[in-house]
Amino acid sequence: MIVTCPQCSKRYMLDDALLPKEGRQVRCISCQHIWRQAKEESSIQPHVTTLGLNREPPITYSVSRKSSSRKIWLLSIVFLICSIGFLVLGRNMIVPFAPSLERYYEILGLPVTLLGSGLSISNATSQIRQDGNKETITVAGHLVNTSDRVRYIPPLKIVVIGDKSVKNCLDNQKDKGCILDQWDHRLSETSLLPGEQIHFETGPRPKLEGTNSISIEF
């Protein structure tokens, strides 16, 4: 039943079961007025629409700490294995940038084969030829396998060196001087047997002003 305070007209919803037949005193929470409320024989219940509340806890999706920890450990192990594999299989590429590591590889029984190791360049010459109004340079020589096993032939690096005073420097290095030009030359063969020798000759390259010497590296 609906109860209305006679003092301030505040309305309340009161359960009929709380009122005895003879009625009882009630107090208005708003104005503190006290009156005796009798139980009505019949009361008109207004149409009240109530919103039902779902008392079940909401469904949440979360990854347990245990599962997350396992994934982290798994990723760490995979990363560690990949790192070790790179350090072992890629040692020939790592040591040229960090020569001090070669000793540690040897202690672990992992021999390091540096680029061009076991190969020797002999009878290297450079020829200047006239091509119309321009001069060109051709580099030739022999590549020899001086080791007791098959060796992979890496590209030859041809470096044209000039005076330090030349303006058109690609790179000015103290030990070499002014690098005017450089390029890679790949041989037709990819490997050499022990003691085997192969001739190489580069294509013509324009001769640059100020050229003093030409070096061949691996």
C-alpha atoms as a PDB file:
ATOM      1  CA  MET A   1       0.000   0.000   0.000  1.00  0.00           C
ATOM      2  CA  ILE A   2       0.999   3.621  -0.539  1.00  0.00           C
ATOM      3  CA  VAL A   3       1.289   5.766   2.610  1.00  0.00           C
ATOM      4  CA  THR A   4       1.259   9.571   2.445  1.00  0.00           C
ATOM      5  CA  CYS A   5       2.685  11.787   5.189  1.00  0.00           C
ATOM      6  CA  PRO A   6      -0.079  14.202   6.331  1.00  0.00           C
ATOM      7  CA  GLN A   7       2.574  16.798   7.140  1.00  0.00           C
ATOM      8  CA  CYS A   8       4.749  17.028   4.032  1.00  0.00           C
ATOM      9  CA  SER A   9       2.773  14.791   1.618  1.00  0.00           C
ATOM     10  CA  LYS A  10       5.827  12.525   1.126  1.00  0.00           C
ATOM     11  CA  ARG A  11       4.677   9.197  -0.266  1.00  0.00           C
ATOM     12  CA  TYR A  12       6.035   5.785   0.711  1.00  0.00           C
ATOM     13  CA  MET A  13       5.454   2.225  -0.335  1.00  0.00           C
ATOM     14  CA  LEU A  14       4.589   0.164   2.768  1.00  0.00           C
ATOM     15  CA  ASP A  15       4.153  -3.575   2.953  1.00  0.00           C
ATOM     16  CA  ASP A  16       0.632  -4.440   4.269  1.00  0.00           C
ATOM     17  CA  ALA A  17       2.099  -7.327   6.263  1.00  0.00           C
ATOM     18  CA  LEU A  18       3.922  -4.827   8.499  1.00  0.00           C
ATOM     19  CA  LEU A  19       0.662  -3.252   9.730  1.00  0.00           C
ATOM     20  CA  PRO A  20      -1.565  -5.004  12.295  1.00  0.00           C
ATOM     21  CA  LYS A  21      -5.325  -4.679  12.062  1.00  0.00           C
ATOM     22  CA  GLU A  22      -5.424  -1.925  14.703  1.00  0.00           C
ATOM     23  CA  GLY A  23      -2.708   0.017  12.881  1.00  0.00           C
ATOM     24  CA  ARG A  24       0.587   1.403  14.211  1.00  0.00           C
ATOM     25  CA  GLN A  25       2.596   4.574  14.507  1.00  0.00           C
ATOM     26  CA  VAL A  26       4.898   5.473  11.622  1.00  0.00           C
ATOM     27  CA  ARG A  27       7.415   8.281  11.119  1.00  0.00           C
ATOM     28  CA  CYS A  28       8.147  10.272   8.008  1.00  0.00           C
ATOM     29  CA  ILE A  29      11.814  10.051   7.130  1.00  0.00           C
ATOM     30  CA  SER A  30      11.689  13.403   5.387  1.00  0.00           C
ATOM     31  CA  CYS A  31      10.046  15.647   8.026  1.00  0.00           C
ATOM     32  CA  GLN A  32      10.124  13.323  11.063  1.00  0.00           C
ATOM     33  CA  HIS A  33       6.348  13.690  11.555  1.00  0.00           C
ATOM     34  CA  ILE A  34       4.720  10.804  13.493  1.00  0.00           C
ATOM     35  CA  TRP A  35       1.156   9.616  12.926  1.00  0.00           C
ATOM     36  CA  ARG A  36      -0.859   6.478  13.391  1.00  0.00           C
ATOM     37  CA  GLN A  37      -1.392   4.599  10.200  1.00  0.00           C
ATOM     38  CA  ALA A  38      -4.328   2.195  10.037  1.00  0.00           C
ATOM     39  CA  LYS A  39      -4.457  -0.789   7.765  1.00  0.00           C
ATOM     40  CA  GLU A  40      -6.753  -0.317   4.817  1.00  0.00           C
ATOM     41  CA  GLU A  41      -9.180  -3.078   3.973  1.00  0.00           C
ATOM     42  CA  SER A  42      -8.603  -2.672   0.322  1.00  0.00           C
ATOM     43  CA  SER A  43      -6.051  -0.539  -1.321  1.00  0.00           C
ATOM     44  CA  ILE A  44      -5.642   0.331  -4.926  1.00  0.00           C
ATOM     45  CA  GLN A  45      -2.246  -0.729  -6.014  1.00  0.00           C
ATOM     46  CA  PRO A  46      -0.856   1.500  -8.723  1.00  0.00           C
ATOM     47  CA  HIS A  47       0.647  -0.064 -11.750  1.00  0.00           C
ATOM     48  CA  VAL A  48       4.324  -0.097 -10.945  1.00  0.00           C
ATOM     49  CA  THR A  49       6.801  -1.343 -13.433  1.00  0.00           C
ATOM     50  CA  THR A  50      10.008  -2.586 -11.903  1.00  0.00           C
ATOM     51  CA  LEU A  51      13.183  -3.376 -13.701  1.00  0.00           C
ATOM     52  CA  GLY A  52      14.445  -6.822 -12.961  1.00  0.00           C
ATOM     53  CA  LEU A  53      18.064  -7.041 -12.015  1.00  0.00           C
ATOM     54  CA  ASN A  54      20.225  -9.935 -13.054  1.00  0.00           C
ATOM     55  CA  ARG A  55      21.860 -11.111  -9.893  1.00  0.00           C
ATOM     56  CA  GLU A  56      24.291 -13.391 -11.728  1.00  0.00           C
ATOM     57  CA  PRO A  57      27.819 -12.012 -11.878  1.00  0.00           C
ATOM     58  CA  PRO A  58      28.847 -10.619 -15.278  1.00  0.00           C
ATOM     59  CA  ILE A  59      30.872 -12.877 -17.487  1.00  0.00           C
ATOM     60  CA  THR A  60      34.440 -11.691 -17.743  1.00  0.00           C
ATOM     61  CA  TYR A  61      37.085 -12.982 -20.062  1.00  0.00           C
ATOM     62  CA  SER A  62      40.562 -12.897 -18.652  1.00  0.00           C
ATOM     63  CA  VAL A  63      43.766 -14.813 -19.103  1.00  0.00           C
ATOM     64  CA  SER A  64      44.882 -16.545 -15.987  1.00  0.00           C
ATOM     65  CA  ARG A  65      48.224 -15.610 -14.551  1.00  0.00           C
ATOM     66  CA  LYS A  66      49.397 -19.185 -14.886  1.00  0.00           C
ATOM     67  CA  SER A  67      48.599 -19.318 -18.618  1.00  0.00           C
ATOM     68  CA  SER A  68      50.192 -15.910 -19.214  1.00  0.00           C
ATOM     69  CA  SER A  69      53.325 -16.971 -17.348  1.00  0.00           C
ATOM     70  CA  ARG A  70      53.617 -20.109 -19.484  1.00  0.00           C
ATOM     71  CA  LYS A  71      53.409 -18.070 -22.678  1.00  0.00           C
ATOM     72  CA  ILE A  72      56.130 -15.710 -21.471  1.00  0.00           C
ATOM     73  CA  TRP A  73      58.387 -18.631 -20.582  1.00  0.00           C
ATOM     74  CA  LEU A  74      57.724 -20.269 -23.956  1.00  0.00           C
ATOM     75  CA  LEU A  75      58.534 -17.083 -25.866  1.00  0.00           C
ATOM     76  CA  SER A  76      61.691 -16.624 -23.795  1.00  0.00           C
ATOM     77  CA  ILE A  77      62.849 -20.168 -24.575  1.00  0.00           C
ATOM     78  CA  VAL A  78      62.153 -19.726 -28.302  1.00  0.00           C
ATOM     79  CA  PHE A  79      64.053 -16.415 -28.314  1.00  0.00           C
ATOM     80  CA  LEU A  80      66.991 -18.023 -26.485  1.00  0.00           C
ATOM     81  CA  ILE A  81      67.148 -20.941 -28.937  1.00  0.00           C
ATOM     82  CA  CYS A  82      67.026 -18.585 -31.932  1.00  0.00           C
ATOM     83  CA  SER A  83      69.777 -16.399 -30.424  1.00  0.00           C
ATOM     84  CA  ILE A  84      72.047 -19.394 -29.780  1.00  0.00           C
ATOM     85  CA  GLY A  85      71.397 -20.692 -33.285  1.00  0.00           C
ATOM     86  CA  PHE A  86      72.339 -17.344 -34.812  1.00  0.00           C
ATOM     87  CA  LEU A  87      75.518 -17.103 -32.714  1.00  0.00           C
ATOM     88  CA  VAL A  88      76.577 -20.614 -33.782  1.00  0.00           C
ATOM     89  CA  LEU A  89      75.512 -20.688 -37.434  1.00  0.00           C
ATOM     90  CA  GLY A  90      76.306 -17.042 -38.104  1.00  0.00           C
ATOM     91  CA  ARG A  91      79.713 -16.990 -36.438  1.00  0.00           C
ATOM     92  CA  ASN A  92      81.497 -16.436 -39.767  1.00  0.00           C
ATOM     93  CA  MET A  93      79.529 -13.195 -40.208  1.00  0.00           C
ATOM     94  CA  ILE A  94      79.846 -12.083 -36.565  1.00  0.00           C
ATOM     95  CA  VAL A  95      83.614 -12.457 -36.057  1.00  0.00           C
ATOM     96  CA  PRO A  96      84.638  -9.912 -38.759  1.00  0.00           C
ATOM     97  CA  PHE A  97      82.713  -7.258 -36.787  1.00  0.00           C
ATOM     98  CA  ALA A  98      83.908  -8.553 -33.380  1.00  0.00           C
ATOM     99  CA  PRO A  99      87.313 -10.290 -33.846  1.00  0.00           C
ATOM    100  CA  SER A 100      87.729 -10.827 -30.097  1.00  0.00           C
ATOM    101  CA  LEU A 101      84.933 -13.426 -30.205  1.00  0.00           C
ATOM    102  CA  GLU A 102      86.985 -15.783 -32.372  1.00  0.00           C
ATOM    103  CA  ARG A 103      88.950 -17.024 -29.357  1.00  0.00           C
ATOM    104  CA  TYR A 104      85.743 -17.956 -27.504  1.00  0.00           C
ATOM    105  CA  TYR A 105      84.432 -19.864 -30.512  1.00  0.00           C
ATOM    106  CA  GLU A 106      87.675 -21.835 -30.619  1.00  0.00           C
ATOM    107  CA  ILE A 107      87.361 -22.679 -26.905  1.00  0.00           C
ATOM    108  CA  LEU A 108      83.866 -24.051 -27.603  1.00  0.00           C
ATOM    109  CA  GLY A 109      85.207 -26.144 -30.478  1.00  0.00           C
ATOM    110  CA  LEU A 110      83.474 -24.038 -33.143  1.00  0.00           C
ATOM    111  CA  PRO A 111      85.992 -23.124 -35.853  1.00  0.00           C
ATOM    112  CA  VAL A 112      85.509 -19.801 -37.561  1.00  0.00           C
ATOM    113  CA  THR A 113      85.981 -19.494 -41.315  1.00  0.00           C
ATOM    114  CA  LEU A 114      86.493 -15.847 -42.145  1.00  0.00           C
ATOM    115  CA  LEU A 115      85.501 -14.422 -45.492  1.00  0.00           C
ATOM    116  CA  GLY A 116      88.224 -15.366 -47.978  1.00  0.00           C
ATOM    117  CA  SER A 117      89.997 -17.614 -45.475  1.00  0.00           C
ATOM    118  CA  GLY A 118      92.278 -20.130 -47.263  1.00  0.00           C
ATOM    119  CA  LEU A 119      92.183 -18.121 -50.494  1.00  0.00           C
ATOM    120  CA  SER A 120      95.016 -16.089 -51.942  1.00  0.00           C
ATOM    121  CA  ILE A 121      95.086 -13.485 -54.712  1.00  0.00           C
ATOM    122  CA  SER A 122      98.156 -13.644 -56.957  1.00  0.00           C
ATOM    123  CA  ASN A 123      99.454 -11.909 -60.091  1.00  0.00           C
ATOM    124  CA  ALA A 124      96.956  -9.081 -59.666  1.00  0.00           C
ATOM    125  CA  THR A 125      97.322  -6.380 -62.294  1.00  0.00           C
ATOM    126  CA  SER A 126      95.387  -3.349 -63.484  1.00  0.00           C
ATOM    127  CA  GLN A 127      95.368  -2.209 -67.081  1.00  0.00           C
ATOM    128  CA  ILE A 128      94.380   1.208 -68.386  1.00  0.00           C
ATOM    129  CA  ARG A 129      92.791   1.154 -71.815  1.00  0.00           C
ATOM    130  CA  GLN A 130      91.610   3.868 -74.118  1.00  0.00           C
ATOM    131  CA  ASP A 131      87.915   3.670 -74.971  1.00  0.00           C
ATOM    132  CA  GLY A 132      87.214   6.536 -77.336  1.00  0.00           C
ATOM    133  CA  ASN A 133      87.858   9.754 -75.436  1.00  0.00           C
ATOM    134  CA  LYS A 134      87.763   8.012 -72.041  1.00  0.00           C
ATOM    135  CA  GLU A 135      90.202   5.834 -70.159  1.00  0.00           C
ATOM    136  CA  THR A 136      88.989   2.649 -68.497  1.00  0.00           C
ATOM    137  CA  ILE A 137      90.532   0.362 -65.900  1.00  0.00           C
ATOM    138  CA  THR A 138      90.428  -3.445 -65.979  1.00  0.00           C
ATOM    139  CA  VAL A 139      91.610  -5.528 -63.008  1.00  0.00           C
ATOM    140  CA  ALA A 140      92.792  -9.125 -63.469  1.00  0.00           C
ATOM    141  CA  GLY A 141      94.616 -11.812 -61.509  1.00  0.00           C
ATOM    142  CA  HIS A 142      94.444 -15.328 -60.099  1.00  0.00           C
ATOM    143  CA  LEU A 143      92.594 -16.707 -57.098  1.00  0.00           C
ATOM    144  CA  VAL A 144      94.223 -19.725 -55.436  1.00  0.00           C
ATOM    145  CA  ASN A 145      92.939 -22.123 -52.775  1.00  0.00           C
ATOM    146  CA  THR A 146      95.915 -22.539 -50.435  1.00  0.00           C
ATOM    147  CA  SER A 147      94.033 -24.661 -47.859  1.00  0.00           C
ATOM    148  CA  ASP A 148      93.431 -28.413 -47.661  1.00  0.00           C
ATOM    149  CA  ARG A 149      89.669 -28.262 -48.165  1.00  0.00           C
ATOM    150  CA  VAL A 150      87.086 -26.823 -50.504  1.00  0.00           C
ATOM    151  CA  ARG A 151      86.654 -23.079 -50.109  1.00  0.00           C
ATOM    152  CA  TYR A 152      83.691 -20.879 -51.027  1.00  0.00           C
ATOM    153  CA  ILE A 153      84.581 -18.001 -53.361  1.00  0.00           C
ATOM    154  CA  PRO A 154      83.199 -14.707 -52.025  1.00  0.00           C
ATOM    155  CA  PRO A 155      82.774 -11.631 -54.223  1.00  0.00           C
ATOM    156  CA  LEU A 156      85.986  -9.668 -54.767  1.00  0.00           C
ATOM    157  CA  LYS A 157      85.870  -6.070 -53.602  1.00  0.00           C
ATOM    158  CA  ILE A 158      87.725  -3.725 -55.966  1.00  0.00           C
ATOM    159  CA  VAL A 159      88.756  -0.410 -54.373  1.00  0.00           C
ATOM    160  CA  VAL A 160      90.154   2.533 -56.343  1.00  0.00           C
ATOM    161  CA  ILE A 161      92.384   4.734 -54.167  1.00  0.00           C
ATOM    162  CA  GLY A 162      93.559   8.296 -54.841  1.00  0.00           C
ATOM    163  CA  ASP A 163      95.249  11.196 -53.058  1.00  0.00           C
ATOM    164  CA  LYS A 164      93.652  12.556 -49.897  1.00  0.00           C
ATOM    165  CA  SER A 165      93.478  15.956 -51.582  1.00  0.00           C
ATOM    166  CA  VAL A 166      91.037  14.708 -54.235  1.00  0.00           C
ATOM    167  CA  LYS A 167      87.601  16.243 -53.775  1.00  0.00           C
ATOM    168  CA  ASN A 168      85.482  13.400 -55.215  1.00  0.00           C
ATOM    169  CA  CYS A 169      86.070  10.994 -52.321  1.00  0.00           C
ATOM    170  CA  LEU A 170      83.532   8.328 -51.430  1.00  0.00           C
ATOM    171  CA  ASP A 171      85.372   7.814 -48.153  1.00  0.00           C
ATOM    172  CA  ASN A 172      88.570   9.277 -46.750  1.00  0.00           C
ATOM    173  CA  GLN A 173      90.418   6.684 -44.675  1.00  0.00           C
ATOM    174  CA  LYS A 174      93.759   7.259 -42.966  1.00  0.00           C
ATOM    175  CA  ASP A 175      95.196   3.833 -43.798  1.00  0.00           C
ATOM    176  CA  LYS A 176      94.055   3.780 -47.453  1.00  0.00           C
ATOM    177  CA  GLY A 177      93.673   7.364 -48.473  1.00  0.00           C
ATOM    178  CA  CYS A 178      90.846   8.689 -50.570  1.00  0.00           C
ATOM    179  CA  ILE A 179      88.515   5.992 -51.901  1.00  0.00           C
ATOM    180  CA  LEU A 180      87.373   7.187 -55.320  1.00  0.00           C
ATOM    181  CA  ASP A 181      85.384   4.143 -56.393  1.00  0.00           C
ATOM    182  CA  GLN A 182      84.593   0.596 -55.264  1.00  0.00           C
ATOM    183  CA  TRP A 183      82.536  -2.307 -56.575  1.00  0.00           C
ATOM    184  CA  ASP A 184      82.080  -6.053 -56.183  1.00  0.00           C
ATOM    185  CA  HIS A 185      83.162  -8.575 -58.792  1.00  0.00           C
ATOM    186  CA  ARG A 186      81.695 -12.093 -58.724  1.00  0.00           C
ATOM    187  CA  LEU A 187      83.588 -14.957 -60.302  1.00  0.00           C
ATOM    188  CA  SER A 188      81.971 -17.538 -62.546  1.00  0.00           C
ATOM    189  CA  GLU A 189      82.916 -20.331 -60.116  1.00  0.00           C
ATOM    190  CA  THR A 190      81.463 -20.528 -56.604  1.00  0.00           C
ATOM    191  CA  SER A 191      84.114 -22.742 -54.959  1.00  0.00           C
ATOM    192  CA  LEU A 192      87.698 -23.941 -55.342  1.00  0.00           C
ATOM    193  CA  LEU A 193      89.188 -27.354 -54.588  1.00  0.00           C
ATOM    194  CA  PRO A 194      92.387 -27.581 -52.483  1.00  0.00           C
ATOM    195  CA  GLY A 195      95.276 -26.217 -54.563  1.00  0.00           C
ATOM    196  CA  GLU A 196      92.950 -25.160 -57.405  1.00  0.00           C
ATOM    197  CA  GLN A 197      93.504 -21.856 -59.183  1.00  0.00           C
ATOM    198  CA  ILE A 198      91.104 -19.678 -61.204  1.00  0.00           C
ATOM    199  CA  HIS A 199      91.673 -16.583 -63.338  1.00  0.00           C
ATOM    200  CA  PHE A 200      89.504 -13.507 -62.926  1.00  0.00           C
ATOM    201  CA  GLU A 201      89.123 -10.273 -64.872  1.00  0.00           C
ATOM    202  CA  THR A 202      86.750  -7.411 -64.192  1.00  0.00           C
ATOM    203  CA  GLY A 203      84.848  -5.475 -66.792  1.00  0.00           C
ATOM    204  CA  PRO A 204      86.108  -2.025 -67.848  1.00  0.00           C
ATOM    205  CA  ARG A 205      85.516   0.735 -65.343  1.00  0.00           C
ATOM    206  CA  PRO A 206      85.944   4.475 -66.047  1.00  0.00           C
ATOM    207  CA  LYS A 207      89.310   5.737 -64.779  1.00  0.00           C
ATOM    208  CA  LEU A 208      88.811   8.565 -62.310  1.00  0.00           C
ATOM    209  CA  GLU A 209      91.079  11.562 -62.053  1.00  0.00           C
ATOM    210  CA  GLY A 210      93.562  11.291 -59.200  1.00  0.00           C
ATOM    211  CA  THR A 211      93.703   7.462 -59.200  1.00  0.00           C
ATOM    212  CA  ASN A 212      96.917   6.208 -57.560  1.00  0.00           C
ATOM    213  CA  SER A 213      96.351   2.519 -56.891  1.00  0.00           C
ATOM    214  CA  ILE A 214      93.800  -0.272 -56.847  1.00  0.00           C
ATOM    215  CA  SER A 215      93.334  -2.852 -54.081  1.00  0.00           C
ATOM    216  CA  ILE A 216      91.503  -6.198 -54.188  1.00  0.00           C
ATOM    217  CA  GLU A 217      89.843  -7.475 -51.002  1.00  0.00           C
ATOM    218  CA  PHE A 218      87.393 -10.146 -49.951  1.00  0.00           C
END
